[in-house]
Amino acid sequence: MHVTATLKFVLRDLPETREEGGMVSLALTNEPRGLPKDCALASSPLTVTCAVKQWRTALSRAEQVRASGLPPLLIVEAHVGVQGVSLVGLVKGIQVVEGKAPTAAPVG
């Protein structure tokens, strides 16, 4: 049986990027969390690629959110596959949303 796999993840910080041939690559590491008891998955490299224009548009929107005083969250959805021993993703879309306002540390 064949399936089409997609991956959805949230970027709270902007990762290092590399631009080449009209595409931007983000080098990430997948850190599995919240797994069922007695189950384990190893961390794995995750390379995500998207069009330069798409990435710059997301960065521009993130800057607008940041200017409003809120942290931007980038919700990324990508087609996913394997190349060698790494997961790879090709971005379908990036949604930029406002994160929660930082809370002030209690004084006392």
PDB file of N, CA and C in Angstrom:
ATOM      1  N   MET A   1       0.848  -1.177   0.000  1.00  0.00           N
ATOM      2  CA  MET A   1       0.000   0.000   0.000  1.00  0.00           C
ATOM      3  C   MET A   1       0.891   1.238   0.000  1.00  0.00           C
ATOM      4  N   HIS A   2       0.566   2.201  -0.827  1.00  0.00           N
ATOM      5  CA  HIS A   2       1.316   3.455  -0.911  1.00  0.00           C
ATOM      6  C   HIS A   2       0.569   4.542  -0.157  1.00  0.00           C
ATOM      7  N   VAL A   3       1.319   5.395   0.534  1.00  0.00           N
ATOM      8  CA  VAL A   3       0.733   6.540   1.230  1.00  0.00           C
ATOM      9  C   VAL A   3       1.542   7.785   0.882  1.00  0.00           C
ATOM     10  N   THR A   4       0.925   8.921   1.047  1.00  0.00           N
ATOM     11  CA  THR A   4       1.618  10.195   0.899  1.00  0.00           C
ATOM     12  C   THR A   4       1.828  10.740   2.301  1.00  0.00           C
ATOM     13  N   ALA A   5       3.077  10.919   2.671  1.00  0.00           N
ATOM     14  CA  ALA A   5       3.395  11.370   4.022  1.00  0.00           C
ATOM     15  C   ALA A   5       3.699  12.865   4.032  1.00  0.00           C
ATOM     16  N   THR A   6       3.152  13.539   5.032  1.00  0.00           N
ATOM     17  CA  THR A   6       3.484  14.936   5.259  1.00  0.00           C
ATOM     18  C   THR A   6       3.927  15.094   6.704  1.00  0.00           C
ATOM     19  N   LEU A   7       4.661  16.134   6.940  1.00  0.00           N
ATOM     20  CA  LEU A   7       5.184  16.430   8.261  1.00  0.00           C
ATOM     21  C   LEU A   7       4.770  17.850   8.603  1.00  0.00           C
ATOM     22  N   LYS A   8       4.290  18.049   9.808  1.00  0.00           N
ATOM     23  CA  LYS A   8       3.905  19.381  10.262  1.00  0.00           C
ATOM     24  C   LYS A   8       4.665  19.662  11.545  1.00  0.00           C
ATOM     25  N   PHE A   9       5.336  20.809  11.592  1.00  0.00           N
ATOM     26  CA  PHE A   9       6.097  21.158  12.779  1.00  0.00           C
ATOM     27  C   PHE A   9       6.092  22.668  12.982  1.00  0.00           C
ATOM     28  N   VAL A  10       6.462  23.084  14.189  1.00  0.00           N
ATOM     29  CA  VAL A  10       6.459  24.500  14.562  1.00  0.00           C
ATOM     30  C   VAL A  10       7.892  24.954  14.828  1.00  0.00           C
ATOM     31  N   LEU A  11       8.263  26.071  14.214  1.00  0.00           N
ATOM     32  CA  LEU A  11       9.543  26.705  14.495  1.00  0.00           C
ATOM     33  C   LEU A  11       9.289  27.887  15.421  1.00  0.00           C
ATOM     34  N   ARG A  12       9.865  27.832  16.611  1.00  0.00           N
ATOM     35  CA  ARG A  12       9.740  28.936  17.567  1.00  0.00           C
ATOM     36  C   ARG A  12      10.906  29.907  17.417  1.00  0.00           C
ATOM     37  N   ASP A  13      11.999  29.423  16.869  1.00  0.00           N
ATOM     38  CA  ASP A  13      13.188  30.217  16.575  1.00  0.00           C
ATOM     39  C   ASP A  13      13.544  29.966  15.117  1.00  0.00           C
ATOM     40  N   LEU A  14      14.285  30.878  14.536  1.00  0.00           N
ATOM     41  CA  LEU A  14      14.698  30.714  13.149  1.00  0.00           C
ATOM     42  C   LEU A  14      15.998  29.919  13.089  1.00  0.00           C
ATOM     43  N   PRO A  15      16.002  28.839  12.329  1.00  0.00           N
ATOM     44  CA  PRO A  15      17.209  28.018  12.224  1.00  0.00           C
ATOM     45  C   PRO A  15      18.204  28.609  11.229  1.00  0.00           C
ATOM     46  N   GLU A  16      19.405  28.053  11.230  1.00  0.00           N
ATOM     47  CA  GLU A  16      20.386  28.416  10.205  1.00  0.00           C
ATOM     48  C   GLU A  16      19.850  27.950   8.864  1.00  0.00           C
ATOM     49  N   THR A  17      20.093  28.747   7.836  1.00  0.00           N
ATOM     50  CA  THR A  17      19.628  28.389   6.503  1.00  0.00           C
ATOM     51  C   THR A  17      20.778  28.486   5.508  1.00  0.00           C
ATOM     52  N   ARG A  18      20.577  27.818   4.382  1.00  0.00           N
ATOM     53  CA  ARG A  18      21.537  27.895   3.282  1.00  0.00           C
ATOM     54  C   ARG A  18      20.732  28.073   2.006  1.00  0.00           C
ATOM     55  N   GLU A  19      21.095  29.057   1.212  1.00  0.00           N
ATOM     56  CA  GLU A  19      20.382  29.348  -0.032  1.00  0.00           C
ATOM     57  C   GLU A  19      21.206  28.873  -1.215  1.00  0.00           C
ATOM     58  N   GLU A  20      20.521  28.155  -2.127  1.00  0.00           N
ATOM     59  CA  GLU A  20      21.216  27.662  -3.314  1.00  0.00           C
ATOM     60  C   GLU A  20      20.188  27.351  -4.399  1.00  0.00           C
ATOM     61  N   GLY A  21      20.388  27.907  -5.577  1.00  0.00           N
ATOM     62  CA  GLY A  21      19.546  27.586  -6.721  1.00  0.00           C
ATOM     63  C   GLY A  21      18.072  27.913  -6.541  1.00  0.00           C
ATOM     64  N   GLY A  22      17.767  29.025  -5.884  1.00  0.00           N
ATOM     65  CA  GLY A  22      16.376  29.425  -5.697  1.00  0.00           C
ATOM     66  C   GLY A  22      15.654  28.691  -4.580  1.00  0.00           C
ATOM     67  N   MET A  23      16.407  27.905  -3.801  1.00  0.00           N
ATOM     68  CA  MET A  23      15.824  27.156  -2.689  1.00  0.00           C
ATOM     69  C   MET A  23      16.580  27.488  -1.406  1.00  0.00           C
ATOM     70  N   VAL A  24      15.881  27.390  -0.291  1.00  0.00           N
ATOM     71  CA  VAL A  24      16.474  27.586   1.022  1.00  0.00           C
ATOM     72  C   VAL A  24      16.406  26.259   1.758  1.00  0.00           C
ATOM     73  N   SER A  25      17.537  25.837   2.335  1.00  0.00           N
ATOM     74  CA  SER A  25      17.585  24.595   3.113  1.00  0.00           C
ATOM     75  C   SER A  25      17.745  24.925   4.582  1.00  0.00           C
ATOM     76  N   LEU A  26      16.976  24.234   5.411  1.00  0.00           N
ATOM     77  CA  LEU A  26      17.041  24.379   6.862  1.00  0.00           C
ATOM     78  C   LEU A  26      17.551  23.058   7.417  1.00  0.00           C
ATOM     79  N   ALA A  27      18.645  23.089   8.143  1.00  0.00           N
ATOM     80  CA  ALA A  27      19.200  21.884   8.758  1.00  0.00           C
ATOM     81  C   ALA A  27      18.670  21.794  10.185  1.00  0.00           C
ATOM     82  N   LEU A  28      17.837  20.799  10.445  1.00  0.00           N
ATOM     83  CA  LEU A  28      17.195  20.623  11.744  1.00  0.00           C
ATOM     84  C   LEU A  28      17.526  19.241  12.288  1.00  0.00           C
ATOM     85  N   THR A  29      17.164  18.987  13.527  1.00  0.00           N
ATOM     86  CA  THR A  29      17.278  17.663  14.118  1.00  0.00           C
ATOM     87  C   THR A  29      15.921  17.288  14.684  1.00  0.00           C
ATOM     88  N   ASN A  30      15.424  16.124  14.301  1.00  0.00           N
ATOM     89  CA  ASN A  30      14.159  15.614  14.824  1.00  0.00           C
ATOM     90  C   ASN A  30      14.429  14.975  16.183  1.00  0.00           C
ATOM     91  N   GLU A  31      13.795  15.507  17.225  1.00  0.00           N
ATOM     92  CA  GLU A  31      13.935  14.992  18.586  1.00  0.00           C
ATOM     93  C   GLU A  31      12.587  14.419  19.027  1.00  0.00           C
ATOM     94  N   PRO A  32      12.372  13.107  18.896  1.00  0.00           N
ATOM     95  CA  PRO A  32      11.080  12.524  19.269  1.00  0.00           C
ATOM     96  C   PRO A  32      10.770  12.714  20.754  1.00  0.00           C
ATOM     97  N   ARG A  33       9.559  13.181  21.035  1.00  0.00           N
ATOM     98  CA  ARG A  33       9.097  13.373  22.421  1.00  0.00           C
ATOM     99  C   ARG A  33       7.661  12.903  22.523  1.00  0.00           C
ATOM    100  N   GLY A  34       7.226  12.620  23.732  1.00  0.00           N
ATOM    101  CA  GLY A  34       5.833  12.244  23.961  1.00  0.00           C
ATOM    102  C   GLY A  34       5.483  10.880  23.406  1.00  0.00           C
ATOM    103  N   LEU A  35       6.470  10.006  23.325  1.00  0.00           N
ATOM    104  CA  LEU A  35       6.227   8.665  22.806  1.00  0.00           C
ATOM    105  C   LEU A  35       5.553   7.788  23.857  1.00  0.00           C
ATOM    106  N   PRO A  36       4.846   6.751  23.430  1.00  0.00           N
ATOM    107  CA  PRO A  36       4.248   5.821  24.400  1.00  0.00           C
ATOM    108  C   PRO A  36       5.327   5.170  25.263  1.00  0.00           C
ATOM    109  N   LYS A  37       4.926   4.766  26.456  1.00  0.00           N
ATOM    110  CA  LYS A  37       5.848   4.113  27.385  1.00  0.00           C
ATOM    111  C   LYS A  37       6.485   2.905  26.706  1.00  0.00           C
ATOM    112  N   ASP A  38       7.751   2.694  26.976  1.00  0.00           N
ATOM    113  CA  ASP A  38       8.530   1.572  26.446  1.00  0.00           C
ATOM    114  C   ASP A  38       8.759   1.649  24.935  1.00  0.00           C
ATOM    115  N   CYS A  39       8.556   2.818  24.328  1.00  0.00           N
ATOM    116  CA  CYS A  39       8.851   3.022  22.906  1.00  0.00           C
ATOM    117  C   CYS A  39       9.934   4.076  22.789  1.00  0.00           C
ATOM    118  N   ALA A  40      10.790   3.914  21.817  1.00  0.00           N
ATOM    119  CA  ALA A  40      11.877   4.878  21.633  1.00  0.00           C
ATOM    120  C   ALA A  40      12.145   5.068  20.146  1.00  0.00           C
ATOM    121  N   LEU A  41      12.511   6.269  19.797  1.00  0.00           N
ATOM    122  CA  LEU A  41      12.972   6.608  18.454  1.00  0.00           C
ATOM    123  C   LEU A  41      14.223   7.451  18.613  1.00  0.00           C
ATOM    124  N   ALA A  42      15.214   7.183  17.804  1.00  0.00           N
ATOM    125  CA  ALA A  42      16.457   7.947  17.869  1.00  0.00           C
ATOM    126  C   ALA A  42      16.263   9.317  17.229  1.00  0.00           C
ATOM    127  N   SER A  43      17.022  10.288  17.692  1.00  0.00           N
ATOM    128  CA  SER A  43      17.070  11.585  17.030  1.00  0.00           C
ATOM    129  C   SER A  43      17.596  11.373  15.622  1.00  0.00           C
ATOM    130  N   SER A  44      17.146  12.206  14.701  1.00  0.00           N
ATOM    131  CA  SER A  44      17.615  12.051  13.328  1.00  0.00           C
ATOM    132  C   SER A  44      17.721  13.407  12.654  1.00  0.00           C
ATOM    133  N   PRO A  45      18.673  13.529  11.726  1.00  0.00           N
ATOM    134  CA  PRO A  45      18.780  14.775  10.972  1.00  0.00           C
ATOM    135  C   PRO A  45      17.526  14.974  10.130  1.00  0.00           C
ATOM    136  N   LEU A  46      17.119  16.217   9.996  1.00  0.00           N
ATOM    137  CA  LEU A  46      15.960  16.569   9.179  1.00  0.00           C
ATOM    138  C   LEU A  46      16.341  17.782   8.350  1.00  0.00           C
ATOM    139  N   THR A  47      16.390  17.607   7.049  1.00  0.00           N
ATOM    140  CA  THR A  47      16.675  18.713   6.150  1.00  0.00           C
ATOM    141  C   THR A  47      15.383  19.112   5.469  1.00  0.00           C
ATOM    142  N   VAL A  48      15.029  20.376   5.584  1.00  0.00           N
ATOM    143  CA  VAL A  48      13.794  20.884   4.997  1.00  0.00           C
ATOM    144  C   VAL A  48      14.167  21.938   3.964  1.00  0.00           C
ATOM    145  N   THR A  49      13.545  21.863   2.798  1.00  0.00           N
ATOM    146  CA  THR A  49      13.841  22.780   1.706  1.00  0.00           C
ATOM    147  C   THR A  49      12.572  23.475   1.250  1.00  0.00           C
ATOM    148  N   CYS A  50      12.677  24.778   0.973  1.00  0.00           N
ATOM    149  CA  CYS A  50      11.539  25.515   0.427  1.00  0.00           C
ATOM    150  C   CYS A  50      12.042  26.574  -0.547  1.00  0.00           C
ATOM    151  N   ALA A  51      11.123  27.099  -1.332  1.00  0.00           N
ATOM    152  CA  ALA A  51      11.465  28.137  -2.293  1.00  0.00           C
ATOM    153  C   ALA A  51      11.894  29.404  -1.553  1.00  0.00           C
ATOM    154  N   VAL A  52      12.871  30.104  -2.103  1.00  0.00           N
ATOM    155  CA  VAL A  52      13.387  31.333  -1.492  1.00  0.00           C
ATOM    156  C   VAL A  52      12.252  32.324  -1.264  1.00  0.00           C
ATOM    157  N   LYS A  53      11.390  32.522  -2.257  1.00  0.00           N
ATOM    158  CA  LYS A  53      10.297  33.492  -2.133  1.00  0.00           C
ATOM    159  C   LYS A  53       9.368  33.111  -0.982  1.00  0.00           C
ATOM    160  N   GLN A  54       9.060  31.836  -0.849  1.00  0.00           N
ATOM    161  CA  GLN A  54       8.189  31.351   0.225  1.00  0.00           C
ATOM    162  C   GLN A  54       8.820  31.612   1.587  1.00  0.00           C
ATOM    163  N   TRP A  55      10.113  31.354   1.726  1.00  0.00           N
ATOM    164  CA  TRP A  55      10.812  31.564   2.987  1.00  0.00           C
ATOM    165  C   TRP A  55      10.876  33.052   3.332  1.00  0.00           C
ATOM    166  N   ARG A  56      11.191  33.888   2.357  1.00  0.00           N
ATOM    167  CA  ARG A  56      11.280  35.330   2.613  1.00  0.00           C
ATOM    168  C   ARG A  56       9.922  35.918   2.985  1.00  0.00           C
ATOM    169  N   THR A  57       8.859  35.426   2.369  1.00  0.00           N
ATOM    170  CA  THR A  57       7.512  35.875   2.725  1.00  0.00           C
ATOM    171  C   THR A  57       7.212  35.518   4.175  1.00  0.00           C
ATOM    172  N   ALA A  58       7.562  34.301   4.585  1.00  0.00           N
ATOM    173  CA  ALA A  58       7.340  33.873   5.973  1.00  0.00           C
ATOM    174  C   ALA A  58       8.162  34.725   6.933  1.00  0.00           C
ATOM    175  N   LEU A  59       9.411  35.022   6.572  1.00  0.00           N
ATOM    176  CA  LEU A  59      10.253  35.867   7.434  1.00  0.00           C
ATOM    177  C   LEU A  59       9.673  37.267   7.565  1.00  0.00           C
ATOM    178  N   SER A  60       9.135  37.808   6.489  1.00  0.00           N
ATOM    179  CA  SER A  60       8.526  39.131   6.509  1.00  0.00           C
ATOM    180  C   SER A  60       7.312  39.150   7.440  1.00  0.00           C
ATOM    181  N   ARG A  61       6.487  38.127   7.330  1.00  0.00           N
ATOM    182  CA  ARG A  61       5.315  38.035   8.220  1.00  0.00           C
ATOM    183  C   ARG A  61       5.739  37.857   9.670  1.00  0.00           C
ATOM    184  N   ALA A  62       6.791  37.070   9.893  1.00  0.00           N
ATOM    185  CA  ALA A  62       7.293  36.865  11.256  1.00  0.00           C
ATOM    186  C   ALA A  62       7.783  38.187  11.843  1.00  0.00           C
ATOM    187  N   GLU A  63       8.425  39.000  11.031  1.00  0.00           N
ATOM    188  CA  GLU A  63       8.909  40.301  11.501  1.00  0.00           C
ATOM    189  C   GLU A  63       7.738  41.216  11.867  1.00  0.00           C
ATOM    190  N   GLN A  64       6.644  41.157  11.111  1.00  0.00           N
ATOM    191  CA  GLN A  64       5.451  41.948  11.433  1.00  0.00           C
ATOM    192  C   GLN A  64       4.876  41.524  12.776  1.00  0.00           C
ATOM    193  N   VAL A  65       4.841  40.225  13.032  1.00  0.00           N
ATOM    194  CA  VAL A  65       4.337  39.718  14.321  1.00  0.00           C
ATOM    195  C   VAL A  65       5.268  40.174  15.437  1.00  0.00           C
ATOM    196  N   ARG A  66       6.574  40.048  15.220  1.00  0.00           N
ATOM    197  CA  ARG A  66       7.556  40.452  16.232  1.00  0.00           C
ATOM    198  C   ARG A  66       7.420  41.945  16.548  1.00  0.00           C
ATOM    199  N   ALA A  67       7.140  42.759  15.522  1.00  0.00           N
ATOM    200  CA  ALA A  67       6.983  44.205  15.720  1.00  0.00           C
ATOM    201  C   ALA A  67       5.777  44.531  16.590  1.00  0.00           C
ATOM    202  N   SER A  68       4.798  43.634  16.635  1.00  0.00           N
ATOM    203  CA  SER A  68       3.619  43.853  17.472  1.00  0.00           C
ATOM    204  C   SER A  68       3.882  43.473  18.931  1.00  0.00           C
ATOM    205  N   GLY A  69       5.086  42.964  19.201  1.00  0.00           N
ATOM    206  CA  GLY A  69       5.448  42.618  20.573  1.00  0.00           C
ATOM    207  C   GLY A  69       5.210  41.159  20.926  1.00  0.00           C
ATOM    208  N   LEU A  70       4.772  40.370  19.969  1.00  0.00           N
ATOM    209  CA  LEU A  70       4.518  38.959  20.226  1.00  0.00           C
ATOM    210  C   LEU A  70       5.538  38.099  19.487  1.00  0.00           C
ATOM    211  N   PRO A  71       5.840  36.920  20.035  1.00  0.00           N
ATOM    212  CA  PRO A  71       6.783  36.049  19.328  1.00  0.00           C
ATOM    213  C   PRO A  71       6.091  35.359  18.152  1.00  0.00           C
ATOM    214  N   PRO A  72       6.746  35.312  16.994  1.00  0.00           N
ATOM    215  CA  PRO A  72       6.145  34.614  15.858  1.00  0.00           C
ATOM    216  C   PRO A  72       6.388  33.105  15.941  1.00  0.00           C
ATOM    217  N   LEU A  73       5.406  32.348  15.507  1.00  0.00           N
ATOM    218  CA  LEU A  73       5.540  30.901  15.366  1.00  0.00           C
ATOM    219  C   LEU A  73       5.350  30.574  13.893  1.00  0.00           C
ATOM    220  N   LEU A  74       6.246  29.791  13.333  1.00  0.00           N
ATOM    221  CA  LEU A  74       6.128  29.374  11.941  1.00  0.00           C
ATOM    222  C   LEU A  74       5.661  27.927  11.922  1.00  0.00           C
ATOM    223  N   ILE A  75       4.463  27.703  11.420  1.00  0.00           N
ATOM    224  CA  ILE A  75       3.921  26.361  11.305  1.00  0.00           C
ATOM    225  C   ILE A  75       4.213  25.887   9.885  1.00  0.00           C
ATOM    226  N   VAL A  76       5.055  24.882   9.787  1.00  0.00           N
ATOM    227  CA  VAL A  76       5.543  24.410   8.495  1.00  0.00           C
ATOM    228  C   VAL A  76       4.907  23.061   8.178  1.00  0.00           C
ATOM    229  N   GLU A  77       4.404  22.923   6.956  1.00  0.00           N
ATOM    230  CA  GLU A  77       3.902  21.636   6.485  1.00  0.00           C
ATOM    231  C   GLU A  77       4.716  21.255   5.264  1.00  0.00           C
ATOM    232  N   ALA A  78       5.230  20.016   5.269  1.00  0.00           N
ATOM    233  CA  ALA A  78       6.125  19.583   4.200  1.00  0.00           C
ATOM    234  C   ALA A  78       5.846  18.147   3.793  1.00  0.00           C
ATOM    235  N   HIS A  79       6.086  17.866   2.510  1.00  0.00           N
ATOM    236  CA  HIS A  79       6.118  16.483   2.042  1.00  0.00           C
ATOM    237  C   HIS A  79       7.358  15.871   2.673  1.00  0.00           C
ATOM    238  N   VAL A  80       7.310  14.624   3.056  1.00  0.00           N
ATOM    239  CA  VAL A  80       8.460  14.035   3.738  1.00  0.00           C
ATOM    240  C   VAL A  80       8.872  12.730   3.070  1.00  0.00           C
ATOM    241  N   GLY A  81      10.181  12.482   3.098  1.00  0.00           N
ATOM    242  CA  GLY A  81      10.741  11.255   2.564  1.00  0.00           C
ATOM    243  C   GLY A  81      12.097  11.003   3.192  1.00  0.00           C
ATOM    244  N   VAL A  82      12.802  10.030   2.685  1.00  0.00           N
ATOM    245  CA  VAL A  82      14.115   9.672   3.213  1.00  0.00           C
ATOM    246  C   VAL A  82      15.134   9.762   2.090  1.00  0.00           C
ATOM    247  N   GLN A  83      16.271  10.357   2.397  1.00  0.00           N
ATOM    248  CA  GLN A  83      17.423  10.385   1.493  1.00  0.00           C
ATOM    249  C   GLN A  83      18.609   9.912   2.306  1.00  0.00           C
ATOM    250  N   GLY A  84      19.177   8.784   1.927  1.00  0.00           N
ATOM    251  CA  GLY A  84      20.269   8.224   2.723  1.00  0.00           C
ATOM    252  C   GLY A  84      19.744   7.834   4.083  1.00  0.00           C
ATOM    253  N   VAL A  85      20.310   8.422   5.149  1.00  0.00           N
ATOM    254  CA  VAL A  85      19.864   8.128   6.513  1.00  0.00           C
ATOM    255  C   VAL A  85      19.139   9.316   7.130  1.00  0.00           C
ATOM    256  N   SER A  86      18.780  10.292   6.311  1.00  0.00           N
ATOM    257  CA  SER A  86      18.140  11.508   6.816  1.00  0.00           C
ATOM    258  C   SER A  86      16.703  11.616   6.338  1.00  0.00           C
ATOM    259  N   LEU A  87      15.885  12.203   7.192  1.00  0.00           N
ATOM    260  CA  LEU A  87      14.554  12.615   6.758  1.00  0.00           C
ATOM    261  C   LEU A  87      14.709  13.900   5.959  1.00  0.00           C
ATOM    262  N   VAL A  88      13.959  14.031   4.899  1.00  0.00           N
ATOM    263  CA  VAL A  88      13.970  15.272   4.126  1.00  0.00           C
ATOM    264  C   VAL A  88      12.535  15.724   3.928  1.00  0.00           C
ATOM    265  N   GLY A  89      12.353  17.019   3.876  1.00  0.00           N
ATOM    266  CA  GLY A  89      11.034  17.583   3.660  1.00  0.00           C
ATOM    267  C   GLY A  89      11.083  18.656   2.596  1.00  0.00           C
ATOM    268  N   LEU A  90      10.050  18.711   1.783  1.00  0.00           N
ATOM    269  CA  LEU A  90       9.891  19.756   0.786  1.00  0.00           C
ATOM    270  C   LEU A  90       8.641  20.533   1.183  1.00  0.00           C
ATOM    271  N   VAL A  91       8.809  21.792   1.537  1.00  0.00           N
ATOM    272  CA  VAL A  91       7.747  22.599   2.129  1.00  0.00           C
ATOM    273  C   VAL A  91       6.570  22.787   1.175  1.00  0.00           C
ATOM    274  N   LYS A  92       5.373  22.510   1.714  1.00  0.00           N
ATOM    275  CA  LYS A  92       4.121  22.789   1.005  1.00  0.00           C
ATOM    276  C   LYS A  92       3.643  24.188   1.359  1.00  0.00           C
ATOM    277  N   GLY A  93       3.759  24.542   2.644  1.00  0.00           N
ATOM    278  CA  GLY A  93       3.293  25.842   3.095  1.00  0.00           C
ATOM    279  C   GLY A  93       3.848  26.209   4.452  1.00  0.00           C
ATOM    280  N   ILE A  94       3.887  27.516   4.702  1.00  0.00           N
ATOM    281  CA  ILE A  94       4.327  28.037   6.002  1.00  0.00           C
ATOM    282  C   ILE A  94       3.286  29.039   6.469  1.00  0.00           C
ATOM    283  N   GLN A  95       2.745  28.791   7.645  1.00  0.00           N
ATOM    284  CA  GLN A  95       1.778  29.703   8.244  1.00  0.00           C
ATOM    285  C   GLN A  95       2.474  30.399   9.415  1.00  0.00           C
ATOM    286  N   VAL A  96       2.383  31.715   9.464  1.00  0.00           N
ATOM    287  CA  VAL A  96       2.986  32.479  10.555  1.00  0.00           C
ATOM    288  C   VAL A  96       1.861  32.955  11.464  1.00  0.00           C
ATOM    289  N   VAL A  97       1.961  32.612  12.750  1.00  0.00           N
ATOM    290  CA  VAL A  97       0.940  32.996  13.726  1.00  0.00           C
ATOM    291  C   VAL A  97       1.606  33.662  14.922  1.00  0.00           C
ATOM    292  N   GLU A  98       0.798  34.359  15.697  1.00  0.00           N
ATOM    293  CA  GLU A  98       1.287  35.010  16.910  1.00  0.00           C
ATOM    294  C   GLU A  98       1.389  33.994  18.033  1.00  0.00           C
ATOM    295  N   GLY A  99       2.536  33.993  18.710  1.00  0.00           N
ATOM    296  CA  GLY A  99       2.688  33.168  19.896  1.00  0.00           C
ATOM    297  C   GLY A  99       2.117  33.911  21.093  1.00  0.00           C
ATOM    298  N   LYS A 100       2.193  33.280  22.233  1.00  0.00           N
ATOM    299  CA  LYS A 100       1.700  33.913  23.457  1.00  0.00           C
ATOM    300  C   LYS A 100       2.685  34.981  23.913  1.00  0.00           C
ATOM    301  N   ALA A 101       2.127  36.038  24.483  1.00  0.00           N
ATOM    302  CA  ALA A 101       2.954  37.120  24.998  1.00  0.00           C
ATOM    303  C   ALA A 101       3.822  36.577  26.133  1.00  0.00           C
ATOM    304  N   PRO A 102       5.081  37.001  26.170  1.00  0.00           N
ATOM    305  CA  PRO A 102       5.952  36.536  27.263  1.00  0.00           C
ATOM    306  C   PRO A 102       5.403  37.025  28.599  1.00  0.00           C
ATOM    307  N   THR A 103       5.474  36.148  29.588  1.00  0.00           N
ATOM    308  CA  THR A 103       4.992  36.521  30.916  1.00  0.00           C
ATOM    309  C   THR A 103       6.139  37.139  31.699  1.00  0.00           C
ATOM    310  N   ALA A 104       5.807  38.124  32.493  1.00  0.00           N
ATOM    311  CA  ALA A 104       6.818  38.780  33.323  1.00  0.00           C
ATOM    312  C   ALA A 104       7.192  37.859  34.463  1.00  0.00           C
ATOM    313  N   ALA A 105       8.477  37.840  34.796  1.00  0.00           N
ATOM    314  CA  ALA A 105       8.950  37.031  35.916  1.00  0.00           C
ATOM    315  C   ALA A 105       8.400  37.617  37.209  1.00  0.00           C
ATOM    316  N   PRO A 106       7.968  36.767  38.125  1.00  0.00           N
ATOM    317  CA  PRO A 106       7.444  37.283  39.398  1.00  0.00           C
ATOM    318  C   PRO A 106       8.544  38.038  40.169  1.00  0.00           C
ATOM    319  N   VAL A 107       8.138  39.160  40.698  1.00  0.00           N
ATOM    320  CA  VAL A 107       9.064  39.993  41.474  1.00  0.00           C
ATOM    321  C   VAL A 107       8.886  39.667  42.940  1.00  0.00           C
ATOM    322  N   GLY A 108       9.966  39.490  43.620  1.00  0.00           N
ATOM    323  CA  GLY A 108       9.774  39.243  45.029  1.00  0.00           C
ATOM    324  C   GLY A 108      10.845  38.549  45.625  1.00  0.00           C
TER     325      GLY A 108
END
